[in-house]
Amino acid sequence: MALKVELKPHERIIIGTAVIRADDQRTRLFIEGEAPILREKDIMTETAADSPAKRIYFAVQLMYLESNTAKYHEVYFTLIRELLEAAPSALALTSDINNRILSGELYKALKAAKKLVAYEGELISNVLRNERLREEGP
């Protein structure tokens, strides 16, 4: 069964190693076969990977798109170690990503990494809120 993907005008999608961009109107694609697929909203650029969790997401994305986990193991596990030193509460999320990678479920690992990015955002907003409250004082 083919995967049906609808793209908005000018939206991009990565299929395998190719970037495909829709024309000026909605485009419907039917994708058959096995290839890594990422919609534009799920693509992290190296420039946008500006936090520890986003760098982990980016590393997992590269593993997924290249179907090569070994190439990124060293970088990935260094990033995981650094994140856990700063935020031990992220252990369950990072364990989920690790388990998905080890079982070859790279797309699911990417989805789990997206949850880690959201969690990191929550942690940062909590820190900023606490700092603001301290500055305002009683």
C-alpha atoms as a PDB file:
ATOM      1  CA  MET A   1       0.000   0.000   0.000  1.00  0.00           C
ATOM      2  CA  ALA A   2       1.323   3.414  -0.946  1.00  0.00           C
ATOM      3  CA  LEU A   3       1.799   6.255   1.507  1.00  0.00           C
ATOM      4  CA  LYS A   4      -0.289   9.264   0.458  1.00  0.00           C
ATOM      5  CA  VAL A   5       1.261  12.651   1.233  1.00  0.00           C
ATOM      6  CA  GLU A   6      -0.319  15.994   0.437  1.00  0.00           C
ATOM      7  CA  LEU A   7       1.966  18.998   0.253  1.00  0.00           C
ATOM      8  CA  LYS A   8       0.943  22.622   0.573  1.00  0.00           C
ATOM      9  CA  PRO A   9       2.161  25.047  -2.100  1.00  0.00           C
ATOM     10  CA  HIS A  10       5.987  25.279  -1.939  1.00  0.00           C
ATOM     11  CA  GLU A  11       6.169  22.789   0.950  1.00  0.00           C
ATOM     12  CA  ARG A  12       9.198  20.509   0.980  1.00  0.00           C
ATOM     13  CA  ILE A  13       9.610  16.860   1.799  1.00  0.00           C
ATOM     14  CA  ILE A  14      12.685  14.666   1.949  1.00  0.00           C
ATOM     15  CA  ILE A  15      12.347  11.233   0.385  1.00  0.00           C
ATOM     16  CA  GLY A  16      15.544   9.237   0.659  1.00  0.00           C
ATOM     17  CA  THR A  17      18.296  11.694  -0.203  1.00  0.00           C
ATOM     18  CA  ALA A  18      16.132  13.897  -2.432  1.00  0.00           C
ATOM     19  CA  VAL A  19      14.404  17.099  -1.404  1.00  0.00           C
ATOM     20  CA  ILE A  20      11.107  17.504  -3.244  1.00  0.00           C
ATOM     21  CA  ARG A  21       9.255  20.822  -3.344  1.00  0.00           C
ATOM     22  CA  ALA A  22       5.637  21.324  -4.331  1.00  0.00           C
ATOM     23  CA  ASP A  23       4.725  23.769  -7.068  1.00  0.00           C
ATOM     24  CA  ASP A  24       2.375  26.733  -6.608  1.00  0.00           C
ATOM     25  CA  GLN A  25      -0.556  24.503  -5.737  1.00  0.00           C
ATOM     26  CA  ARG A  26      -1.329  21.602  -3.425  1.00  0.00           C
ATOM     27  CA  THR A  27       0.371  18.439  -4.559  1.00  0.00           C
ATOM     28  CA  ARG A  28      -0.511  14.854  -3.783  1.00  0.00           C
ATOM     29  CA  LEU A  29       2.166  12.175  -3.839  1.00  0.00           C
ATOM     30  CA  PHE A  30       1.776   8.419  -3.541  1.00  0.00           C
ATOM     31  CA  ILE A  31       5.012   6.924  -2.281  1.00  0.00           C
ATOM     32  CA  GLU A  32       5.646   3.221  -2.715  1.00  0.00           C
ATOM     33  CA  GLY A  33       8.638   1.353  -1.387  1.00  0.00           C
ATOM     34  CA  GLU A  34      11.006   1.813   1.507  1.00  0.00           C
ATOM     35  CA  ALA A  35      12.771   5.135   1.926  1.00  0.00           C
ATOM     36  CA  PRO A  36      13.176   7.569   4.794  1.00  0.00           C
ATOM     37  CA  ILE A  37      10.575  10.320   4.502  1.00  0.00           C
ATOM     38  CA  LEU A  38      10.467  13.617   6.405  1.00  0.00           C
ATOM     39  CA  ARG A  39       7.985  16.435   5.959  1.00  0.00           C
ATOM     40  CA  GLU A  40       9.283  19.993   6.124  1.00  0.00           C
ATOM     41  CA  LYS A  41       7.777  20.577   9.588  1.00  0.00           C
ATOM     42  CA  ASP A  42       9.860  17.677  10.959  1.00  0.00           C
ATOM     43  CA  ILE A  43      13.153  18.680   9.338  1.00  0.00           C
ATOM     44  CA  MET A  44      15.757  20.187  11.666  1.00  0.00           C
ATOM     45  CA  THR A  45      18.540  22.155  10.007  1.00  0.00           C
ATOM     46  CA  GLU A  46      22.005  22.251  11.507  1.00  0.00           C
ATOM     47  CA  THR A  47      21.557  25.984  12.151  1.00  0.00           C
ATOM     48  CA  ALA A  48      18.257  25.423  13.965  1.00  0.00           C
ATOM     49  CA  ALA A  49      19.854  22.759  16.205  1.00  0.00           C
ATOM     50  CA  ASP A  50      20.773  25.405  18.786  1.00  0.00           C
ATOM     51  CA  SER A  51      20.135  23.520  22.033  1.00  0.00           C
ATOM     52  CA  PRO A  52      21.215  20.164  23.466  1.00  0.00           C
ATOM     53  CA  ALA A  53      17.909  18.391  22.727  1.00  0.00           C
ATOM     54  CA  LYS A  54      17.727  19.879  19.232  1.00  0.00           C
ATOM     55  CA  ARG A  55      21.269  18.679  18.509  1.00  0.00           C
ATOM     56  CA  ILE A  56      20.184  15.191  19.620  1.00  0.00           C
ATOM     57  CA  TYR A  57      17.153  15.417  17.317  1.00  0.00           C
ATOM     58  CA  PHE A  58      19.441  16.504  14.473  1.00  0.00           C
ATOM     59  CA  ALA A  59      21.791  13.552  15.084  1.00  0.00           C
ATOM     60  CA  VAL A  60      18.867  11.109  15.090  1.00  0.00           C
ATOM     61  CA  GLN A  61      17.526  12.754  11.936  1.00  0.00           C
ATOM     62  CA  LEU A  62      20.858  12.157  10.197  1.00  0.00           C
ATOM     63  CA  MET A  63      20.828   8.516  11.352  1.00  0.00           C
ATOM     64  CA  TYR A  64      17.307   8.119   9.959  1.00  0.00           C
ATOM     65  CA  LEU A  65      17.911   9.834   6.625  1.00  0.00           C
ATOM     66  CA  GLU A  66      21.196   8.055   5.970  1.00  0.00           C
ATOM     67  CA  SER A  67      20.091   4.735   7.520  1.00  0.00           C
ATOM     68  CA  ASN A  68      23.460   4.716   9.262  1.00  0.00           C
ATOM     69  CA  THR A  69      23.422   4.760  13.047  1.00  0.00           C
ATOM     70  CA  ALA A  70      27.067   3.751  13.505  1.00  0.00           C
ATOM     71  CA  LYS A  71      28.298   6.886  11.728  1.00  0.00           C
ATOM     72  CA  TYR A  72      26.676   9.113  14.380  1.00  0.00           C
ATOM     73  CA  HIS A  73      26.987   6.957  17.531  1.00  0.00           C
ATOM     74  CA  GLU A  74      29.915   8.841  19.041  1.00  0.00           C
ATOM     75  CA  VAL A  75      28.368  12.273  18.523  1.00  0.00           C
ATOM     76  CA  TYR A  76      24.930  11.076  19.624  1.00  0.00           C
ATOM     77  CA  PHE A  77      26.067   9.441  22.861  1.00  0.00           C
ATOM     78  CA  THR A  78      28.257  12.450  23.734  1.00  0.00           C
ATOM     79  CA  LEU A  79      25.205  14.690  23.312  1.00  0.00           C
ATOM     80  CA  ILE A  80      23.063  12.338  25.419  1.00  0.00           C
ATOM     81  CA  ARG A  81      25.669  12.289  28.205  1.00  0.00           C
ATOM     82  CA  GLU A  82      25.930  16.096  28.231  1.00  0.00           C
ATOM     83  CA  LEU A  83      22.145  16.500  28.311  1.00  0.00           C
ATOM     84  CA  LEU A  84      21.722  14.041  31.174  1.00  0.00           C
ATOM     85  CA  GLU A  85      24.430  15.786  33.201  1.00  0.00           C
ATOM     86  CA  ALA A  86      22.469  19.027  32.871  1.00  0.00           C
ATOM     87  CA  ALA A  87      18.968  17.528  33.090  1.00  0.00           C
ATOM     88  CA  PRO A  88      18.887  14.080  34.741  1.00  0.00           C
ATOM     89  CA  SER A  89      15.085  14.237  34.667  1.00  0.00           C
ATOM     90  CA  ALA A  90      15.260  13.566  30.908  1.00  0.00           C
ATOM     91  CA  LEU A  91      16.505  10.009  31.477  1.00  0.00           C
ATOM     92  CA  ALA A  92      13.219   8.301  30.560  1.00  0.00           C
ATOM     93  CA  LEU A  93      12.960  10.267  27.310  1.00  0.00           C
ATOM     94  CA  THR A  94      16.566   9.591  26.308  1.00  0.00           C
ATOM     95  CA  SER A  95      16.166   5.900  27.199  1.00  0.00           C
ATOM     96  CA  ASP A  96      13.180   5.706  24.856  1.00  0.00           C
ATOM     97  CA  ILE A  97      15.236   7.250  22.031  1.00  0.00           C
ATOM     98  CA  ASN A  98      18.149   4.879  22.733  1.00  0.00           C
ATOM     99  CA  ASN A  99      15.878   1.817  22.734  1.00  0.00           C
ATOM    100  CA  ARG A 100      14.276   2.848  19.448  1.00  0.00           C
ATOM    101  CA  ILE A 101      17.681   3.345  17.829  1.00  0.00           C
ATOM    102  CA  LEU A 102      18.985   0.020  19.116  1.00  0.00           C
ATOM    103  CA  SER A 103      15.911  -1.786  17.792  1.00  0.00           C
ATOM    104  CA  GLY A 104      16.275  -0.115  14.377  1.00  0.00           C
ATOM    105  CA  GLU A 105      13.131   1.987  14.713  1.00  0.00           C
ATOM    106  CA  LEU A 106      14.762   5.221  13.564  1.00  0.00           C
ATOM    107  CA  TYR A 107      11.569   7.050  12.627  1.00  0.00           C
ATOM    108  CA  LYS A 108      10.113   6.288  16.061  1.00  0.00           C
ATOM    109  CA  ALA A 109      13.422   7.410  17.610  1.00  0.00           C
ATOM    110  CA  LEU A 110      13.012  10.700  15.765  1.00  0.00           C
ATOM    111  CA  LYS A 111       9.480  11.096  17.141  1.00  0.00           C
ATOM    112  CA  ALA A 112      10.809  10.351  20.645  1.00  0.00           C
ATOM    113  CA  ALA A 113      13.540  12.962  20.113  1.00  0.00           C
ATOM    114  CA  LYS A 114      10.809  15.464  19.241  1.00  0.00           C
ATOM    115  CA  LYS A 115       9.299  14.811  22.695  1.00  0.00           C
ATOM    116  CA  LEU A 116      12.733  15.484  24.211  1.00  0.00           C
ATOM    117  CA  VAL A 117      12.877  18.853  22.422  1.00  0.00           C
ATOM    118  CA  ALA A 118       9.431  19.735  23.820  1.00  0.00           C
ATOM    119  CA  TYR A 119      10.516  18.681  27.318  1.00  0.00           C
ATOM    120  CA  GLU A 120      13.642  20.809  27.063  1.00  0.00           C
ATOM    121  CA  GLY A 121      11.451  23.760  26.087  1.00  0.00           C
ATOM    122  CA  GLU A 122       9.333  23.210  29.203  1.00  0.00           C
ATOM    123  CA  LEU A 123      12.448  23.087  31.409  1.00  0.00           C
ATOM    124  CA  ILE A 124      13.801  26.295  29.912  1.00  0.00           C
ATOM    125  CA  SER A 125      10.490  28.125  30.279  1.00  0.00           C
ATOM    126  CA  ASN A 126      10.273  27.017  33.931  1.00  0.00           C
ATOM    127  CA  VAL A 127      13.781  28.343  34.614  1.00  0.00           C
ATOM    128  CA  LEU A 128      12.978  31.647  32.912  1.00  0.00           C
ATOM    129  CA  ARG A 129       9.702  31.971  34.816  1.00  0.00           C
ATOM    130  CA  ASN A 130      11.481  31.320  38.145  1.00  0.00           C
ATOM    131  CA  GLU A 131      14.180  33.876  37.328  1.00  0.00           C
ATOM    132  CA  ARG A 132      11.532  36.459  36.449  1.00  0.00           C
ATOM    133  CA  LEU A 133       9.703  35.794  39.726  1.00  0.00           C
ATOM    134  CA  ARG A 134      12.948  36.203  41.693  1.00  0.00           C
ATOM    135  CA  GLU A 135      13.683  39.490  39.950  1.00  0.00           C
ATOM    136  CA  GLU A 136      10.189  40.815  40.704  1.00  0.00           C
ATOM    137  CA  GLY A 137      10.602  39.858  44.348  1.00  0.00           C
ATOM    138  CA  PRO A 138       7.912  39.563  47.019  1.00  0.00           C
END
